[in-house]
Amino acid sequence: MANINEYIERVQNYVACLASKDYQAAYELTLSESVPIQDILRVIEEYGCTIIPLPAKAFDMALFYQISDKQVDIYIPLWSEEEGQSDLTLSLSCFNNDNKIKINDLEVL
């Protein structure tokens, strides 16, 4: 059984790229079958808040599902400068044999 702690750094790095608006770096952290970075950017712009790096407590709120021996899906709320914990939720998959992540969705929940 996997542990979410194995994937925290990957998720933090991706969200840090979004927070610093380094979309090329965010793109480079993801697998090719991910939601396109342009779609992620559009959702953030439409939401209208400034994304900030994830605080440690964000992982206490994450939902974590073991899909297979090699795949874990994570649903984690993003944080914004204006709101703290936002309604934006990042859905992603992590794989224990790959350092890249697959972005499945970014939506308001």
N, C-alpha and C. Protein backbone atom coordinates (compact mmCIF):
# COMPACT_ATOMS: atom_id res chain seq x y z
N MET A 1 0.84 -1.20 0.00
CA MET A 1 0.00 0.00 0.00
C MET A 1 0.88 1.25 0.00
N ALA A 2 0.59 2.14 -0.89
CA ALA A 2 1.37 3.38 -1.01
C ALA A 2 1.00 4.35 0.11
N ASN A 3 1.84 5.32 0.27
CA ASN A 3 1.67 6.35 1.29
C ASN A 3 1.71 7.70 0.59
N ILE A 4 0.80 8.60 0.91
CA ILE A 4 0.76 9.91 0.25
C ILE A 4 2.07 10.67 0.42
N ASN A 5 2.81 10.40 1.50
CA ASN A 5 4.07 11.09 1.73
C ASN A 5 5.07 10.87 0.60
N GLU A 6 4.94 9.75 -0.11
CA GLU A 6 5.84 9.47 -1.24
C GLU A 6 5.64 10.45 -2.38
N TYR A 7 4.49 11.11 -2.43
CA TYR A 7 4.13 11.94 -3.58
C TYR A 7 4.04 13.43 -3.26
N ILE A 8 4.18 13.80 -2.00
CA ILE A 8 4.02 15.20 -1.58
C ILE A 8 4.95 16.13 -2.35
N GLU A 9 6.19 15.79 -2.48
CA GLU A 9 7.15 16.67 -3.15
C GLU A 9 6.75 16.92 -4.61
N ARG A 10 6.31 15.87 -5.30
CA ARG A 10 5.89 16.03 -6.70
C ARG A 10 4.73 17.02 -6.81
N VAL A 11 3.74 16.85 -5.94
CA VAL A 11 2.56 17.71 -5.98
C VAL A 11 2.94 19.14 -5.60
N GLN A 12 3.75 19.29 -4.56
CA GLN A 12 4.19 20.64 -4.15
C GLN A 12 4.94 21.33 -5.27
N ASN A 13 5.81 20.61 -5.95
CA ASN A 13 6.58 21.21 -7.04
C ASN A 13 5.68 21.70 -8.16
N TYR A 14 4.68 20.89 -8.52
CA TYR A 14 3.77 21.28 -9.59
C TYR A 14 2.98 22.54 -9.19
N VAL A 15 2.41 22.55 -8.00
CA VAL A 15 1.62 23.70 -7.57
C VAL A 15 2.51 24.93 -7.40
N ALA A 16 3.75 24.76 -6.97
CA ALA A 16 4.68 25.89 -6.87
C ALA A 16 4.92 26.51 -8.24
N CYS A 17 4.98 25.68 -9.27
CA CYS A 17 5.12 26.21 -10.64
C CYS A 17 3.89 27.02 -11.04
N LEU A 18 2.70 26.52 -10.70
CA LEU A 18 1.48 27.28 -10.98
C LEU A 18 1.49 28.61 -10.23
N ALA A 19 1.90 28.57 -8.96
CA ALA A 19 1.92 29.77 -8.13
C ALA A 19 2.90 30.82 -8.67
N SER A 20 4.03 30.36 -9.20
CA SER A 20 5.02 31.30 -9.74
C SER A 20 4.77 31.62 -11.21
N LYS A 21 3.69 31.07 -11.75
CA LYS A 21 3.29 31.26 -13.15
C LYS A 21 4.36 30.78 -14.13
N ASP A 22 5.08 29.76 -13.71
CA ASP A 22 6.07 29.13 -14.58
C ASP A 22 5.40 27.92 -15.23
N TYR A 23 4.58 28.20 -16.23
CA TYR A 23 3.76 27.15 -16.84
C TYR A 23 4.59 26.18 -17.67
N GLN A 24 5.71 26.62 -18.18
CA GLN A 24 6.60 25.70 -18.91
C GLN A 24 7.16 24.65 -17.94
N ALA A 25 7.58 25.09 -16.77
CA ALA A 25 8.10 24.14 -15.77
C ALA A 25 6.99 23.20 -15.31
N ALA A 26 5.78 23.72 -15.13
CA ALA A 26 4.64 22.87 -14.74
C ALA A 26 4.40 21.81 -15.81
N TYR A 27 4.42 22.23 -17.05
CA TYR A 27 4.23 21.31 -18.18
C TYR A 27 5.29 20.21 -18.16
N GLU A 28 6.53 20.56 -17.88
CA GLU A 28 7.63 19.59 -17.89
C GLU A 28 7.54 18.57 -16.76
N LEU A 29 6.75 18.86 -15.73
CA LEU A 29 6.57 17.92 -14.62
C LEU A 29 5.47 16.90 -14.87
N THR A 30 4.76 17.07 -16.00
CA THR A 30 3.59 16.22 -16.24
C THR A 30 3.80 15.25 -17.39
N LEU A 31 3.01 14.19 -17.35
CA LEU A 31 3.01 13.21 -18.44
C LEU A 31 2.23 13.77 -19.63
N SER A 32 2.52 13.27 -20.80
CA SER A 32 1.93 13.80 -22.03
C SER A 32 0.41 13.65 -22.08
N GLU A 33 -0.16 12.66 -21.40
CA GLU A 33 -1.61 12.47 -21.43
C GLU A 33 -2.35 13.32 -20.39
N SER A 34 -1.66 14.27 -19.79
CA SER A 34 -2.28 15.18 -18.82
C SER A 34 -3.19 16.19 -19.52
N VAL A 35 -4.09 16.78 -18.72
CA VAL A 35 -4.87 17.91 -19.21
C VAL A 35 -3.87 18.97 -19.66
N PRO A 36 -4.06 19.56 -20.82
CA PRO A 36 -3.11 20.57 -21.31
C PRO A 36 -2.95 21.74 -20.33
N ILE A 37 -1.74 22.23 -20.23
CA ILE A 37 -1.44 23.32 -19.30
C ILE A 37 -2.28 24.56 -19.64
N GLN A 38 -2.63 24.75 -20.91
CA GLN A 38 -3.47 25.88 -21.29
C GLN A 38 -4.84 25.79 -20.63
N ASP A 39 -5.37 24.58 -20.49
CA ASP A 39 -6.66 24.40 -19.82
C ASP A 39 -6.56 24.70 -18.33
N ILE A 40 -5.44 24.30 -17.73
CA ILE A 40 -5.22 24.59 -16.30
C ILE A 40 -5.14 26.10 -16.10
N LEU A 41 -4.38 26.77 -16.96
CA LEU A 41 -4.24 28.23 -16.89
C LEU A 41 -5.60 28.91 -17.05
N ARG A 42 -6.42 28.45 -17.99
CA ARG A 42 -7.75 29.04 -18.22
C ARG A 42 -8.62 28.93 -16.96
N VAL A 43 -8.61 27.76 -16.32
CA VAL A 43 -9.42 27.56 -15.11
C VAL A 43 -8.94 28.51 -14.00
N ILE A 44 -7.63 28.64 -13.84
CA ILE A 44 -7.09 29.55 -12.81
C ILE A 44 -7.50 30.99 -13.10
N GLU A 45 -7.37 31.40 -14.36
CA GLU A 45 -7.73 32.78 -14.73
C GLU A 45 -9.22 33.03 -14.52
N GLU A 46 -10.06 32.07 -14.90
CA GLU A 46 -11.50 32.23 -14.71
C GLU A 46 -11.88 32.26 -13.23
N TYR A 47 -11.14 31.54 -12.41
CA TYR A 47 -11.42 31.51 -10.98
C TYR A 47 -11.14 32.88 -10.36
N GLY A 48 -10.09 33.54 -10.86
CA GLY A 48 -9.84 34.92 -10.47
C GLY A 48 -9.08 35.14 -9.18
N CYS A 49 -8.37 34.14 -8.68
CA CYS A 49 -7.56 34.31 -7.47
C CYS A 49 -6.11 33.96 -7.77
N THR A 50 -5.24 34.39 -6.88
CA THR A 50 -3.81 34.16 -7.03
C THR A 50 -3.43 32.87 -6.31
N ILE A 51 -3.04 31.85 -7.06
CA ILE A 51 -2.64 30.57 -6.49
C ILE A 51 -1.32 30.73 -5.75
N ILE A 52 -1.23 30.11 -4.58
CA ILE A 52 0.01 30.14 -3.79
C ILE A 52 0.47 28.70 -3.55
N PRO A 53 1.75 28.53 -3.16
CA PRO A 53 2.23 27.17 -2.86
C PRO A 53 1.39 26.53 -1.76
N LEU A 54 1.30 25.22 -1.82
CA LEU A 54 0.50 24.48 -0.84
C LEU A 54 1.13 24.50 0.54
N PRO A 55 0.35 24.82 1.56
CA PRO A 55 0.85 24.67 2.93
C PRO A 55 0.84 23.18 3.28
N ALA A 56 1.59 22.80 4.28
CA ALA A 56 1.66 21.39 4.68
C ALA A 56 0.28 20.84 5.03
N LYS A 57 -0.58 21.67 5.63
CA LYS A 57 -1.90 21.19 6.04
C LYS A 57 -2.80 20.85 4.86
N ALA A 58 -2.45 21.29 3.65
CA ALA A 58 -3.26 20.95 2.47
C ALA A 58 -3.30 19.44 2.27
N PHE A 59 -2.22 18.76 2.64
CA PHE A 59 -2.16 17.31 2.44
C PHE A 59 -3.02 16.56 3.46
N ASP A 60 -3.36 17.21 4.56
CA ASP A 60 -4.30 16.61 5.51
C ASP A 60 -5.71 16.58 4.93
N MET A 61 -5.97 17.47 3.98
CA MET A 61 -7.30 17.57 3.36
C MET A 61 -7.39 16.82 2.04
N ALA A 62 -6.28 16.29 1.58
CA ALA A 62 -6.25 15.59 0.30
C ALA A 62 -6.96 14.24 0.42
N LEU A 63 -7.63 13.87 -0.65
CA LEU A 63 -8.19 12.53 -0.77
C LEU A 63 -7.21 11.72 -1.59
N PHE A 64 -6.99 10.50 -1.16
CA PHE A 64 -5.90 9.68 -1.68
C PHE A 64 -6.44 8.29 -1.96
N TYR A 65 -6.34 7.86 -3.21
CA TYR A 65 -6.90 6.56 -3.60
C TYR A 65 -5.84 5.69 -4.26
N GLN A 66 -5.66 4.51 -3.75
CA GLN A 66 -4.74 3.53 -4.35
C GLN A 66 -5.50 2.89 -5.51
N ILE A 67 -5.11 3.17 -6.73
CA ILE A 67 -5.79 2.65 -7.91
C ILE A 67 -5.22 1.28 -8.30
N SER A 68 -3.91 1.15 -8.21
CA SER A 68 -3.24 -0.11 -8.51
C SER A 68 -1.93 -0.13 -7.73
N ASP A 69 -1.16 -1.17 -7.91
CA ASP A 69 0.15 -1.24 -7.24
C ASP A 69 1.05 -0.08 -7.66
N LYS A 70 0.81 0.47 -8.85
CA LYS A 70 1.69 1.50 -9.39
C LYS A 70 1.07 2.88 -9.45
N GLN A 71 -0.23 3.01 -9.21
CA GLN A 71 -0.91 4.29 -9.39
C GLN A 71 -1.69 4.71 -8.15
N VAL A 72 -1.54 5.99 -7.82
CA VAL A 72 -2.29 6.63 -6.74
C VAL A 72 -2.93 7.88 -7.31
N ASP A 73 -4.23 8.05 -7.07
CA ASP A 73 -4.92 9.28 -7.47
C ASP A 73 -5.11 10.16 -6.25
N ILE A 74 -4.87 11.45 -6.45
CA ILE A 74 -4.94 12.42 -5.36
C ILE A 74 -5.85 13.57 -5.78
N TYR A 75 -6.72 13.97 -4.87
CA TYR A 75 -7.57 15.15 -5.04
C TYR A 75 -7.18 16.10 -3.92
N ILE A 76 -6.68 17.28 -4.30
CA ILE A 76 -6.18 18.20 -3.28
C ILE A 76 -6.66 19.62 -3.57
N PRO A 77 -7.15 20.32 -2.53
CA PRO A 77 -7.56 21.70 -2.75
C PRO A 77 -6.34 22.59 -2.95
N LEU A 78 -6.49 23.56 -3.85
CA LEU A 78 -5.44 24.56 -4.01
C LEU A 78 -5.70 25.69 -3.03
N TRP A 79 -4.68 26.52 -2.83
CA TRP A 79 -4.77 27.65 -1.91
C TRP A 79 -4.53 28.92 -2.69
N SER A 80 -5.21 29.98 -2.26
CA SER A 80 -5.03 31.26 -2.93
C SER A 80 -4.67 32.33 -1.90
N GLU A 81 -4.06 33.37 -2.43
CA GLU A 81 -3.68 34.51 -1.59
C GLU A 81 -4.92 35.15 -0.96
N GLU A 82 -5.99 35.21 -1.73
CA GLU A 82 -7.19 35.90 -1.29
C GLU A 82 -8.03 35.09 -0.30
N GLU A 83 -8.06 33.76 -0.46
CA GLU A 83 -8.99 32.93 0.31
C GLU A 83 -8.35 31.97 1.30
N GLY A 84 -7.07 31.70 1.15
CA GLY A 84 -6.51 30.55 1.86
C GLY A 84 -6.94 29.33 1.09
N GLN A 85 -7.58 28.37 1.75
CA GLN A 85 -8.06 27.19 1.03
C GLN A 85 -9.15 27.63 0.05
N SER A 86 -8.96 27.28 -1.21
CA SER A 86 -9.93 27.67 -2.23
C SER A 86 -10.86 26.50 -2.56
N ASP A 87 -11.80 26.78 -3.45
CA ASP A 87 -12.71 25.75 -3.95
C ASP A 87 -12.11 25.00 -5.14
N LEU A 88 -10.96 25.46 -5.63
CA LEU A 88 -10.30 24.77 -6.74
C LEU A 88 -9.67 23.48 -6.24
N THR A 89 -9.97 22.40 -6.91
CA THR A 89 -9.42 21.10 -6.54
C THR A 89 -8.64 20.52 -7.70
N LEU A 90 -7.41 20.15 -7.43
CA LEU A 90 -6.55 19.53 -8.42
C LEU A 90 -6.67 18.02 -8.30
N SER A 91 -6.96 17.39 -9.42
CA SER A 91 -7.05 15.93 -9.49
C SER A 91 -5.87 15.44 -10.31
N LEU A 92 -5.08 14.54 -9.72
CA LEU A 92 -3.89 14.06 -10.41
C LEU A 92 -3.60 12.61 -10.07
N SER A 93 -2.78 12.01 -10.90
CA SER A 93 -2.33 10.63 -10.67
C SER A 93 -0.82 10.64 -10.54
N CYS A 94 -0.33 9.88 -9.58
CA CYS A 94 1.11 9.68 -9.40
C CYS A 94 1.41 8.21 -9.61
N PHE A 95 2.58 7.95 -10.13
CA PHE A 95 2.99 6.59 -10.44
C PHE A 95 4.32 6.31 -9.75
N ASN A 96 4.45 5.16 -9.11
CA ASN A 96 5.66 4.90 -8.34
C ASN A 96 6.87 4.59 -9.20
N ASN A 97 6.71 4.45 -10.50
CA ASN A 97 7.86 4.20 -11.37
C ASN A 97 8.17 5.39 -12.26
N ASP A 98 7.57 6.55 -11.97
CA ASP A 98 7.78 7.73 -12.80
C ASP A 98 7.71 8.96 -11.91
N ASN A 99 8.65 9.88 -12.08
CA ASN A 99 8.64 11.10 -11.28
C ASN A 99 7.65 12.13 -11.79
N LYS A 100 7.15 11.95 -13.01
CA LYS A 100 6.17 12.88 -13.54
C LYS A 100 4.79 12.51 -13.03
N ILE A 101 3.90 13.49 -13.07
CA ILE A 101 2.52 13.27 -12.62
C ILE A 101 1.59 13.45 -13.81
N LYS A 102 0.41 12.90 -13.70
CA LYS A 102 -0.63 13.07 -14.71
C LYS A 102 -1.70 13.95 -14.12
N ILE A 103 -1.95 15.10 -14.73
CA ILE A 103 -3.00 15.99 -14.28
C ILE A 103 -4.30 15.54 -14.93
N ASN A 104 -5.29 15.22 -14.10
CA ASN A 104 -6.58 14.75 -14.60
C ASN A 104 -7.60 15.85 -14.73
N ASP A 105 -7.55 16.84 -13.82
CA ASP A 105 -8.54 17.91 -13.86
C ASP A 105 -8.18 18.99 -12.84
N LEU A 106 -8.70 20.17 -13.08
CA LEU A 106 -8.69 21.26 -12.10
C LEU A 106 -10.07 21.85 -12.18
N GLU A 107 -10.83 21.74 -11.08
CA GLU A 107 -12.21 22.20 -11.11
C GLU A 107 -12.63 22.76 -9.76
N VAL A 108 -13.71 23.52 -9.81
CA VAL A 108 -14.27 24.07 -8.59
C VAL A 108 -15.20 23.04 -7.99
N LEU A 109 -14.94 22.66 -6.76
CA LEU A 109 -15.79 21.69 -6.05
C LEU A 109 -16.39 22.32 -4.82
